[in-house]
C-alpha atoms as a PDB file:
ATOM      1  CA  MET A   1      27.036  -2.238  -3.641  1.00  0.00           C
ATOM      2  CA  SER A   2      24.891  -4.082  -1.104  1.00  0.00           C
ATOM      3  CA  ALA A   3      21.102  -4.106  -1.511  1.00  0.00           C
ATOM      4  CA  PRO A   4      19.162  -1.676   0.658  1.00  0.00           C
ATOM      5  CA  ALA A   5      17.853  -3.081   3.932  1.00  0.00           C
ATOM      6  CA  GLU A   6      14.259  -4.270   3.925  1.00  0.00           C
ATOM      7  CA  PRO A   7      11.823  -2.931   6.498  1.00  0.00           C
ATOM      8  CA  LEU A   8      11.379  -5.196   9.545  1.00  0.00           C
ATOM      9  CA  VAL A   9       7.825  -6.426  10.095  1.00  0.00           C
ATOM     10  CA  PRO A  10       6.251  -9.250  12.108  1.00  0.00           C
ATOM     11  CA  ARG A  11       6.108 -12.711  10.493  1.00  0.00           C
ATOM     12  CA  LYS A  12       2.352 -12.531  10.890  1.00  0.00           C
ATOM     13  CA  ARG A  13      -0.297 -10.522  12.730  1.00  0.00           C
ATOM     14  CA  PRO A  14      -2.836 -12.112  15.062  1.00  0.00           C
ATOM     15  CA  THR A  15      -6.430 -12.431  13.951  1.00  0.00           C
ATOM     16  CA  GLN A  16      -8.123 -14.150  16.869  1.00  0.00           C
ATOM     17  CA  GLU A  17      -8.779 -12.365  20.162  1.00  0.00           C
ATOM     18  CA  ARG A  18      -6.647 -14.705  22.242  1.00  0.00           C
ATOM     19  CA  SER A  19      -3.684 -14.306  19.885  1.00  0.00           C
ATOM     20  CA  LYS A  20      -4.120 -10.514  19.881  1.00  0.00           C
ATOM     21  CA  LYS A  21      -3.840 -10.490  23.645  1.00  0.00           C
ATOM     22  CA  LYS A  22      -0.606 -12.515  23.519  1.00  0.00           C
ATOM     23  CA  PHE A  23       0.743 -10.230  20.774  1.00  0.00           C
ATOM     24  CA  SER A  24      -0.090  -7.139  22.857  1.00  0.00           C
ATOM     25  CA  ALA A  25       1.390  -8.685  26.000  1.00  0.00           C
ATOM     26  CA  MET A  26       4.712  -9.383  24.253  1.00  0.00           C
ATOM     27  CA  LEU A  27       4.917  -5.839  22.927  1.00  0.00           C
ATOM     28  CA  GLY A  28       4.011  -4.419  26.350  1.00  0.00           C
ATOM     29  CA  ALA A  29       6.655  -6.571  28.018  1.00  0.00           C
ATOM     30  CA  ALA A  30       9.246  -5.441  25.449  1.00  0.00           C
ATOM     31  CA  ARG A  31       8.368  -1.816  26.051  1.00  0.00           C
ATOM     32  CA  ASP A  32       8.757  -2.188  29.818  1.00  0.00           C
ATOM     33  CA  LEU A  33      12.059  -4.033  29.453  1.00  0.00           C
ATOM     34  CA  LEU A  34      13.455  -1.382  27.108  1.00  0.00           C
ATOM     35  CA  ILE A  35      13.020   1.135  29.878  1.00  0.00           C
ATOM     36  CA  GLU A  36      14.481  -1.142  32.522  1.00  0.00           C
ATOM     37  CA  VAL A  37      17.459  -2.720  30.790  1.00  0.00           C
ATOM     38  CA  GLY A  38      17.955  -0.867  27.524  1.00  0.00           C
ATOM     39  CA  PHE A  39      18.059  -2.246  24.014  1.00  0.00           C
ATOM     40  CA  GLU A  40      21.493  -3.828  24.205  1.00  0.00           C
ATOM     41  CA  SER A  41      20.435  -6.076  27.087  1.00  0.00           C
ATOM     42  CA  LEU A  42      16.958  -6.772  25.724  1.00  0.00           C
ATOM     43  CA  THR A  43      16.394 -10.454  24.801  1.00  0.00           C
ATOM     44  CA  CYS A  44      13.514 -12.320  23.246  1.00  0.00           C
ATOM     45  CA  GLU A  45      13.728 -14.877  26.068  1.00  0.00           C
ATOM     46  CA  GLU A  46      13.196 -12.194  28.710  1.00  0.00           C
ATOM     47  CA  ILE A  47      10.347 -10.689  26.750  1.00  0.00           C
ATOM     48  CA  ALA A  48       8.593 -14.043  26.448  1.00  0.00           C
ATOM     49  CA  SER A  49       9.098 -14.694  30.154  1.00  0.00           C
ATOM     50  CA  ARG A  50       7.759 -11.281  31.173  1.00  0.00           C
ATOM     51  CA  ALA A  51       4.760 -11.729  28.869  1.00  0.00           C
ATOM     52  CA  GLU A  52       4.222 -15.265  30.207  1.00  0.00           C
ATOM     53  CA  VAL A  53       4.200 -16.894  26.758  1.00  0.00           C
ATOM     54  CA  PRO A  54       6.436 -19.695  25.412  1.00  0.00           C
ATOM     55  CA  ILE A  55       9.478 -18.494  23.504  1.00  0.00           C
ATOM     56  CA  GLY A  56       8.156 -20.445  20.482  1.00  0.00           C
ATOM     57  CA  THR A  57       4.983 -18.292  20.551  1.00  0.00           C
ATOM     58  CA  LEU A  58       7.106 -15.139  20.367  1.00  0.00           C
ATOM     59  CA  TYR A  59       9.074 -16.468  17.404  1.00  0.00           C
ATOM     60  CA  GLN A  60       5.847 -17.260  15.581  1.00  0.00           C
ATOM     61  CA  TYR A  61       5.370 -13.501  15.290  1.00  0.00           C
ATOM     62  CA  PHE A  62       8.794 -11.930  15.655  1.00  0.00           C
ATOM     63  CA  ALA A  63      12.067 -13.075  14.108  1.00  0.00           C
ATOM     64  CA  ASN A  64      14.156 -11.198  16.643  1.00  0.00           C
ATOM     65  CA  LYS A  65      14.200  -8.192  19.009  1.00  0.00           C
ATOM     66  CA  TYR A  66      14.822  -5.784  16.067  1.00  0.00           C
ATOM     67  CA  VAL A  67      11.438  -6.650  14.588  1.00  0.00           C
ATOM     68  CA  ILE A  68       9.873  -6.114  17.993  1.00  0.00           C
ATOM     69  CA  VAL A  69      11.212  -2.597  18.497  1.00  0.00           C
ATOM     70  CA  CYS A  70      10.164  -1.715  14.962  1.00  0.00           C
ATOM     71  CA  GLU A  71       6.625  -2.858  15.750  1.00  0.00           C
ATOM     72  CA  LEU A  72       6.700  -0.694  18.870  1.00  0.00           C
ATOM     73  CA  ASP A  73       7.802   2.230  16.773  1.00  0.00           C
ATOM     74  CA  ARG A  74       4.919   1.535  14.326  1.00  0.00           C
ATOM     75  CA  GLN A  75       2.527   1.579  17.309  1.00  0.00           C
ATOM     76  CA  ASP A  76       3.860   4.930  18.443  1.00  0.00           C
ATOM     77  CA  THR A  77       3.527   6.301  14.923  1.00  0.00           C
ATOM     78  CA  VAL A  78      -0.073   5.184  14.666  1.00  0.00           C
ATOM     79  CA  ASP A  79      -0.878   6.962  17.921  1.00  0.00           C
ATOM     80  CA  VAL A  80       0.742  10.194  16.760  1.00  0.00           C
ATOM     81  CA  ARG A  81      -0.885   9.954  13.352  1.00  0.00           C
ATOM     82  CA  GLU A  82      -4.309   9.695  14.906  1.00  0.00           C
ATOM     83  CA  GLU A  83      -3.650  12.698  17.145  1.00  0.00           C
ATOM     84  CA  LEU A  84      -2.338  14.717  14.210  1.00  0.00           C
ATOM     85  CA  ALA A  85      -5.437  13.924  12.212  1.00  0.00           C
ATOM     86  CA  ALA A  86      -7.601  15.123  15.101  1.00  0.00           C
ATOM     87  CA  PHE A  87      -5.643  18.339  15.445  1.00  0.00           C
ATOM     88  CA  SER A  88      -5.662  19.099  11.722  1.00  0.00           C
ATOM     89  CA  SER A  89      -9.414  18.693  11.549  1.00  0.00           C
ATOM     90  CA  GLU A  90      -9.910  20.839  14.642  1.00  0.00           C
ATOM     91  CA  ILE A  91      -7.832  23.783  13.490  1.00  0.00           C
ATOM     92  CA  PRO A  92      -7.821  25.185   9.912  1.00  0.00           C
ATOM     93  CA  SER A  93      -4.548  24.561   8.121  1.00  0.00           C
ATOM     94  CA  LEU A  94      -4.006  28.270   7.545  1.00  0.00           C
ATOM     95  CA  GLU A  95      -3.779  28.762  11.277  1.00  0.00           C
ATOM     96  CA  TRP A  96      -0.643  26.607  11.296  1.00  0.00           C
ATOM     97  CA  PRO A  97       1.135  28.413  14.193  1.00  0.00           C
ATOM     98  CA  HIS A  98      -1.641  27.334  16.578  1.00  0.00           C
ATOM     99  CA  LEU A  99      -1.690  23.808  15.172  1.00  0.00           C
ATOM    100  CA  LEU A 100       2.108  23.553  15.443  1.00  0.00           C
ATOM    101  CA  GLU A 101       2.239  24.707  19.002  1.00  0.00           C
ATOM    102  CA  LYS A 102      -0.633  22.469  20.154  1.00  0.00           C
ATOM    103  CA  PHE A 103       0.779  19.434  18.379  1.00  0.00           C
ATOM    104  CA  LEU A 104       4.294  19.973  19.702  1.00  0.00           C
ATOM    105  CA  ASP A 105       2.869  20.319  23.224  1.00  0.00           C
ATOM    106  CA  HIS A 106       1.134  16.969  22.745  1.00  0.00           C
ATOM    107  CA  LEU A 107       4.303  15.298  21.471  1.00  0.00           C
ATOM    108  CA  ALA A 108       6.379  16.822  24.242  1.00  0.00           C
ATOM    109  CA  ALA A 109       3.985  15.484  26.890  1.00  0.00           C
ATOM    110  CA  LEU A 110       4.229  11.998  25.395  1.00  0.00           C
ATOM    111  CA  TRP A 111       8.013  12.050  25.526  1.00  0.00           C
ATOM    112  CA  ARG A 112       8.098  13.602  28.999  1.00  0.00           C
ATOM    113  CA  ASP A 113       5.575  11.237  30.594  1.00  0.00           C
ATOM    114  CA  ASP A 114       6.358   7.996  28.733  1.00  0.00           C
ATOM    115  CA  PRO A 115      10.074   7.084  28.821  1.00  0.00           C
ATOM    116  CA  SER A 116       9.462   4.257  26.412  1.00  0.00           C
ATOM    117  CA  ARG A 117       9.047   6.778  23.631  1.00  0.00           C
ATOM    118  CA  ARG A 118      12.737   7.699  23.704  1.00  0.00           C
ATOM    119  CA  ALA A 119      13.786   4.098  24.404  1.00  0.00           C
ATOM    120  CA  VAL A 120      11.966   2.861  21.297  1.00  0.00           C
ATOM    121  CA  TRP A 121      13.197   5.786  19.165  1.00  0.00           C
ATOM    122  CA  LEU A 122      16.794   5.128  20.146  1.00  0.00           C
ATOM    123  CA  ALA A 123      16.431   1.363  19.611  1.00  0.00           C
ATOM    124  CA  VAL A 124      15.281   1.740  16.002  1.00  0.00           C
ATOM    125  CA  GLN A 125      18.346   3.877  15.214  1.00  0.00           C
ATOM    126  CA  SER A 126      20.607   0.918  16.000  1.00  0.00           C
ATOM    127  CA  THR A 127      20.897  -0.938  12.677  1.00  0.00           C
ATOM    128  CA  PRO A 128      20.398  -0.209   8.930  1.00  0.00           C
ATOM    129  CA  ALA A 129      17.233  -2.325   8.819  1.00  0.00           C
ATOM    130  CA  THR A 130      15.675  -0.760  11.892  1.00  0.00           C
ATOM    131  CA  ARG A 131      16.596   2.751  10.581  1.00  0.00           C
ATOM    132  CA  VAL A 132      14.886   1.962   7.275  1.00  0.00           C
ATOM    133  CA  THR A 133      11.743   0.850   9.100  1.00  0.00           C
ATOM    134  CA  ALA A 134      11.779   3.944  11.388  1.00  0.00           C
ATOM    135  CA  SER A 135      12.227   6.163   8.340  1.00  0.00           C
ATOM    136  CA  GLN A 136       9.183   4.619   6.771  1.00  0.00           C
ATOM    137  CA  ASN A 137       7.179   5.253   9.911  1.00  0.00           C
ATOM    138  CA  GLU A 138       8.360   8.877  10.052  1.00  0.00           C
ATOM    139  CA  LYS A 139       7.428   9.285   6.401  1.00  0.00           C
ATOM    140  CA  VAL A 140       3.834   8.320   7.226  1.00  0.00           C
ATOM    141  CA  LEU A 141       3.739  11.293   9.596  1.00  0.00           C
ATOM    142  CA  ALA A 142       5.593  13.521   7.153  1.00  0.00           C
ATOM    143  CA  ASP A 143       3.061  12.817   4.395  1.00  0.00           C
ATOM    144  CA  GLN A 144       0.312  13.825   6.792  1.00  0.00           C
ATOM    145  CA  VAL A 145       2.189  17.034   7.720  1.00  0.00           C
ATOM    146  CA  ALA A 146       2.731  17.779   4.068  1.00  0.00           C
ATOM    147  CA  ARG A 147      -1.020  17.709   3.439  1.00  0.00           C
ATOM    148  CA  ILE A 148      -1.552  20.104   6.354  1.00  0.00           C
ATOM    149  CA  LEU A 149       1.130  22.433   5.000  1.00  0.00           C
ATOM    150  CA  ALA A 150      -0.230  22.430   1.443  1.00  0.00           C
ATOM    151  CA  PRO A 151      -2.102  25.785   1.775  1.00  0.00           C
ATOM    152  CA  LEU A 152       1.087  27.365   3.156  1.00  0.00           C
ATOM    153  CA  THR A 153       3.289  26.170   0.299  1.00  0.00           C
ATOM    154  CA  PRO A 154       1.101  26.090  -2.845  1.00  0.00           C
ATOM    155  CA  THR A 155       4.064  26.421  -5.246  1.00  0.00           C
ATOM    156  CA  GLN A 156       6.435  24.103  -3.408  1.00  0.00           C
ATOM    157  CA  ARG A 157       4.877  20.698  -3.875  1.00  0.00           C
ATOM    158  CA  THR A 158       8.176  18.835  -4.329  1.00  0.00           C
ATOM    159  CA  ARG A 159      10.043  20.729  -1.627  1.00  0.00           C
ATOM    160  CA  ARG A 160       7.049  20.388   0.742  1.00  0.00           C
ATOM    161  CA  GLU A 161       7.701  16.661   0.980  1.00  0.00           C
ATOM    162  CA  MET A 162      11.294  17.247   2.091  1.00  0.00           C
ATOM    163  CA  MET A 163      10.223  20.056   4.433  1.00  0.00           C
ATOM    164  CA  SER A 164       7.790  17.772   6.182  1.00  0.00           C
ATOM    165  CA  GLN A 165      10.356  15.006   6.579  1.00  0.00           C
ATOM    166  CA  VAL A 166      12.793  17.477   8.073  1.00  0.00           C
ATOM    167  CA  LEU A 167      10.137  18.813  10.417  1.00  0.00           C
ATOM    168  CA  VAL A 168       9.180  15.404  11.719  1.00  0.00           C
ATOM    169  CA  HIS A 169      12.762  14.113  12.147  1.00  0.00           C
ATOM    170  CA  THR A 170      13.888  17.348  13.771  1.00  0.00           C
ATOM    171  CA  ALA A 171      11.009  17.254  16.241  1.00  0.00           C
ATOM    172  CA  TYR A 172      11.770  13.640  17.223  1.00  0.00           C
ATOM    173  CA  SER A 173      15.516  14.275  17.582  1.00  0.00           C
ATOM    174  CA  VAL A 174      15.024  17.384  19.731  1.00  0.00           C
ATOM    175  CA  LEU A 175      12.445  15.672  21.879  1.00  0.00           C
ATOM    176  CA  SER A 176      14.913  12.844  22.511  1.00  0.00           C
ATOM    177  CA  PHE A 177      17.434  15.487  23.495  1.00  0.00           C
ATOM    178  CA  SER A 178      14.912  17.217  25.737  1.00  0.00           C
ATOM    179  CA  VAL A 179      14.353  14.194  28.019  1.00  0.00           C
ATOM    180  CA  GLN A 180      17.984  13.371  28.592  1.00  0.00           C
ATOM    181  CA  ASP A 181      19.241  13.827  32.158  1.00  0.00           C
ATOM    182  CA  GLY A 182      20.481  17.317  32.810  1.00  0.00           C
ATOM    183  CA  HIS A 183      18.369  18.993  30.102  1.00  0.00           C
ATOM    184  CA  ASP A 184      15.473  21.347  30.694  1.00  0.00           C
ATOM    185  CA  HIS A 185      12.594  19.708  28.906  1.00  0.00           C
ATOM    186  CA  ASP A 186      10.248  22.704  28.840  1.00  0.00           C
ATOM    187  CA  GLU A 187      13.006  25.081  27.748  1.00  0.00           C
ATOM    188  CA  THR A 188      14.101  22.742  24.972  1.00  0.00           C
ATOM    189  CA  VAL A 189      10.529  22.320  23.718  1.00  0.00           C
ATOM    190  CA  ALA A 190      10.157  26.111  23.653  1.00  0.00           C
ATOM    191  CA  GLU A 191      13.289  26.313  21.463  1.00  0.00           C
ATOM    192  CA  LEU A 192      11.907  23.601  19.200  1.00  0.00           C
ATOM    193  CA  LYS A 193       8.712  25.632  18.727  1.00  0.00           C
ATOM    194  CA  ARG A 194      10.731  28.720  17.828  1.00  0.00           C
ATOM    195  CA  MET A 195      12.916  26.738  15.412  1.00  0.00           C
ATOM    196  CA  LEU A 196      10.058  25.083  13.500  1.00  0.00           C
ATOM    197  CA  ALA A 197       7.778  28.136  13.566  1.00  0.00           C
ATOM    198  CA  GLY A 198      10.646  30.264  12.171  1.00  0.00           C
ATOM    199  CA  TYR A 199      11.224  27.682   9.438  1.00  0.00           C
ATOM    200  CA  LEU A 200       7.619  27.735   8.367  1.00  0.00           C
ATOM    201  CA  LEU A 201       7.319  31.503   8.694  1.00  0.00           C
ATOM    202  CA  LEU A 202      10.341  31.915   6.398  1.00  0.00           C
ATOM    203  CA  GLU A 203       8.660  29.659   3.839  1.00  0.00           C
ATOM    204  CA  GLU A 204       5.434  31.652   4.079  1.00  0.00           C
ATOM    205  CA  THR A 205       7.270  34.974   3.630  1.00  0.00           C
ATOM    206  CA  THR A 206       9.202  33.605   0.637  1.00  0.00           C
ATOM    207  CA  ALA A 207       5.958  32.385  -1.002  1.00  0.00           C
ATOM    208  CA  GLU A 208       4.416  35.853  -0.671  1.00  0.00           C
ATOM    209  CA  ALA A 209       7.456  37.674  -2.042  1.00  0.00           C
END
């Protein structure tokens, strides 16, 4: 049996302001190119050229394009985590239907208005190592969701962890579906809300029984 794939992370992270700007420029270039050419045609050489940095500078931070898309996925996760924290502090956890709808509206707007969201999400599904890294990023959000759901599932501590992972992965998968050509984004998001609200409502009813 082969060993499980290790998460993909940058070789190092910049500490000085000038290096941070180059690091950000490379990630920004990669994000733009993902939209333009797709992951299969994405190359480190083109990323470096677009970011106006030597290819050697890129390789100081990133071993390959797989590490780059994983770092983009981590960036997207951080953004969502911060928004989720703001929503959860704004609305009491027991009013979860309102929190769920507001948060899904926020996620849906991100995926509708920023095509790089889907491009990055699809890219990190491409190899075992990138999927492991993406799963870790999703788990960060799932852990946060689990804390929000705690008052709803007081006797389901172990199952709550799995519930939260299912909720996060389902939301991302359906949002990816919603922005494909030929699909009605708003209608799909409405169905996602019904699906997840029904799932949580069933859990609440079961807990009260």
